[in-house]
Amino acid sequence: MFQKILLAYDGSESARRAAQLAKDLARRFQAEMRVVCCFDPIPPYLGDPDMQRALNKHIGTAERNMAEVVEAIGDEVDLRQEVLEGPAAEAILEVARTRESDLIVMGTRGMGRLSGLLMGSVSQKVVGHAPCPVLLTR
């Protein structure tokens, strides 16, 4: 049923549950699994050396998240990895389109009603614009 599963991972508890679910689905369907960890772009007004320090911190966090999820998944599935800079929802959607994903699996983070109404959450944006089904975990 699914041949290419995309897991969006940010290190949150709901993302950990999503990783386990994506792993189980990938094993069951013998699917390729792609993990994406995103980090926000650094505003150019920071300038050096502050910009480089902020970039290193964001990249470091994304790489730690990637290492954590790769360890949790193990070598039981065909696993691909991508650490990307950019707004998370847009990066996830772009990977889903370009890699022709059959399913996106991701966690939700339970934003408050007001901030969810004002900004929207990453999961809401992905669900609203995804080119394939999206499976959310809490």
Protein backbone atom coordinates (compact mmCIF):
# COMPACT_ATOMS: atom_id res chain seq x y z
CA MET A 1 0.00 0.00 0.00
CA PHE A 2 2.73 2.49 0.98
CA GLN A 3 6.10 2.44 -0.78
CA LYS A 4 7.58 5.75 0.43
CA ILE A 5 6.87 6.98 3.95
CA LEU A 6 8.03 10.43 5.06
CA LEU A 7 8.56 10.99 8.78
CA ALA A 8 8.82 14.59 9.98
CA TYR A 9 10.78 14.54 13.24
CA ASP A 10 11.43 17.36 15.71
CA GLY A 11 12.38 15.46 18.87
CA SER A 12 9.07 16.03 20.66
CA GLU A 13 7.21 13.25 22.46
CA SER A 14 4.53 13.13 19.76
CA ALA A 15 7.29 12.89 17.12
CA ARG A 16 8.76 9.90 18.98
CA ARG A 17 5.38 8.18 18.80
CA ALA A 18 5.16 9.09 15.11
CA ALA A 19 8.60 7.55 14.54
CA GLN A 20 7.53 4.26 16.09
CA LEU A 21 4.37 4.20 14.01
CA ALA A 22 6.24 5.07 10.80
CA LYS A 23 8.79 2.34 11.53
CA ASP A 24 6.02 -0.22 12.05
CA LEU A 25 4.32 0.81 8.81
CA ALA A 26 7.59 0.75 6.85
CA ARG A 27 8.34 -2.77 8.11
CA ARG A 28 4.83 -3.98 7.40
CA PHE A 29 4.73 -2.63 3.85
CA GLN A 30 8.49 -3.04 3.20
CA ALA A 31 8.52 0.65 2.35
CA GLU A 32 11.33 3.14 2.05
CA MET A 33 11.28 5.52 5.00
CA ARG A 34 12.65 9.06 4.76
CA VAL A 35 13.22 11.11 7.90
CA VAL A 36 13.25 14.90 7.68
CA CYS A 37 14.53 17.15 10.47
CA CYS A 38 14.12 20.88 9.79
CA PHE A 39 15.57 23.99 11.36
CA ASP A 40 14.43 27.58 10.96
CA PRO A 41 16.45 29.91 8.75
CA ILE A 42 18.72 32.35 10.52
CA PRO A 43 17.77 36.00 9.96
CA PRO A 44 20.50 37.74 7.96
CA TYR A 45 20.38 40.82 10.17
CA LEU A 46 22.30 38.96 12.89
CA GLY A 47 25.59 39.26 11.02
CA ASP A 48 28.80 37.41 11.84
CA PRO A 49 29.77 35.92 14.27
CA ASP A 50 26.28 35.79 15.82
CA MET A 51 24.73 34.41 12.65
CA GLN A 52 27.24 31.57 12.47
CA ARG A 53 26.74 30.70 16.15
CA ALA A 54 22.96 30.61 15.71
CA LEU A 55 23.29 28.52 12.55
CA ASN A 56 25.61 26.05 14.30
CA LYS A 57 23.16 25.76 17.20
CA HIS A 58 20.19 25.09 14.88
CA ILE A 59 22.11 22.58 12.77
CA GLY A 60 23.38 20.86 15.92
CA THR A 61 19.85 20.48 17.28
CA ALA A 62 18.57 19.08 13.97
CA GLU A 63 21.49 16.65 13.76
CA ARG A 64 20.91 15.46 17.35
CA ASN A 65 17.24 14.91 16.54
CA MET A 66 18.26 12.94 13.45
CA ALA A 67 20.72 10.80 15.41
CA GLU A 68 18.06 10.11 18.03
CA VAL A 69 15.45 8.96 15.52
CA VAL A 70 17.93 6.92 13.46
CA GLU A 71 18.96 5.09 16.62
CA ALA A 72 15.31 4.48 17.57
CA ILE A 73 14.47 3.11 14.12
CA GLY A 74 17.59 0.99 13.79
CA ASP A 75 18.38 -0.92 10.64
CA GLU A 76 15.03 -2.66 10.34
CA VAL A 77 13.87 -0.47 7.43
CA ASP A 78 15.31 1.17 4.31
CA LEU A 79 16.04 4.58 5.87
CA ARG A 80 16.97 7.86 4.16
CA GLN A 81 17.80 11.08 6.02
CA GLU A 82 17.52 14.79 5.27
CA VAL A 83 18.36 17.75 7.51
CA LEU A 84 16.86 20.87 5.95
CA GLU A 85 16.89 24.60 6.58
CA GLY A 86 13.58 26.40 6.18
CA PRO A 87 10.12 26.72 7.65
CA ALA A 88 9.18 23.19 8.71
CA ALA A 89 5.82 22.90 6.95
CA GLU A 90 7.19 24.15 3.64
CA ALA A 91 10.25 21.89 3.85
CA ILE A 92 8.14 18.82 4.66
CA LEU A 93 5.74 19.53 1.81
CA GLU A 94 8.58 20.09 -0.66
CA VAL A 95 10.22 16.78 0.27
CA ALA A 96 6.88 14.97 0.05
CA ARG A 97 6.39 16.34 -3.47
CA THR A 98 9.91 15.87 -4.82
CA ARG A 99 10.42 12.42 -3.28
CA GLU A 100 6.89 11.34 -4.26
CA SER A 101 5.94 10.22 -0.76
CA ASP A 102 2.87 8.02 -0.33
CA LEU A 103 2.34 8.96 3.32
CA ILE A 104 3.54 11.65 5.73
CA VAL A 105 3.74 10.67 9.41
CA MET A 106 4.26 13.35 12.02
CA GLY A 107 3.38 14.33 15.55
CA THR A 108 1.26 17.19 16.76
CA ARG A 109 2.40 19.56 19.47
CA GLY A 110 -0.87 20.91 20.88
CA MET A 111 -0.51 24.66 20.43
CA GLY A 112 -2.87 26.78 22.46
CA ARG A 113 -6.06 27.90 20.75
CA LEU A 114 -4.99 31.52 20.34
CA SER A 115 -1.52 30.84 18.91
CA GLY A 116 -2.95 28.08 16.72
CA LEU A 117 -5.50 30.53 15.33
CA LEU A 118 -2.97 33.28 14.79
CA MET A 119 -0.08 31.27 13.33
CA GLY A 120 -1.38 27.80 12.60
CA SER A 121 0.67 24.76 13.43
CA VAL A 122 3.09 22.88 11.23
CA SER A 123 0.79 19.85 11.22
CA GLN A 124 -2.21 21.98 10.19
CA LYS A 125 -0.26 23.43 7.27
CA VAL A 126 0.98 20.03 6.16
CA VAL A 127 -2.48 18.46 6.36
CA GLY A 128 -3.95 21.35 4.39
CA HIS A 129 -1.44 21.20 1.53
CA ALA A 130 -0.01 17.68 1.43
CA PRO A 131 0.05 15.83 -1.89
CA CYS A 132 -0.59 12.54 -0.06
CA PRO A 133 -2.30 11.24 3.12
CA VAL A 134 -0.99 12.55 6.46
CA LEU A 135 -1.04 10.48 9.66
CA LEU A 136 -0.78 12.51 12.88
CA THR A 137 0.07 11.25 16.36
CA ARG A 138 -0.48 12.95 19.69
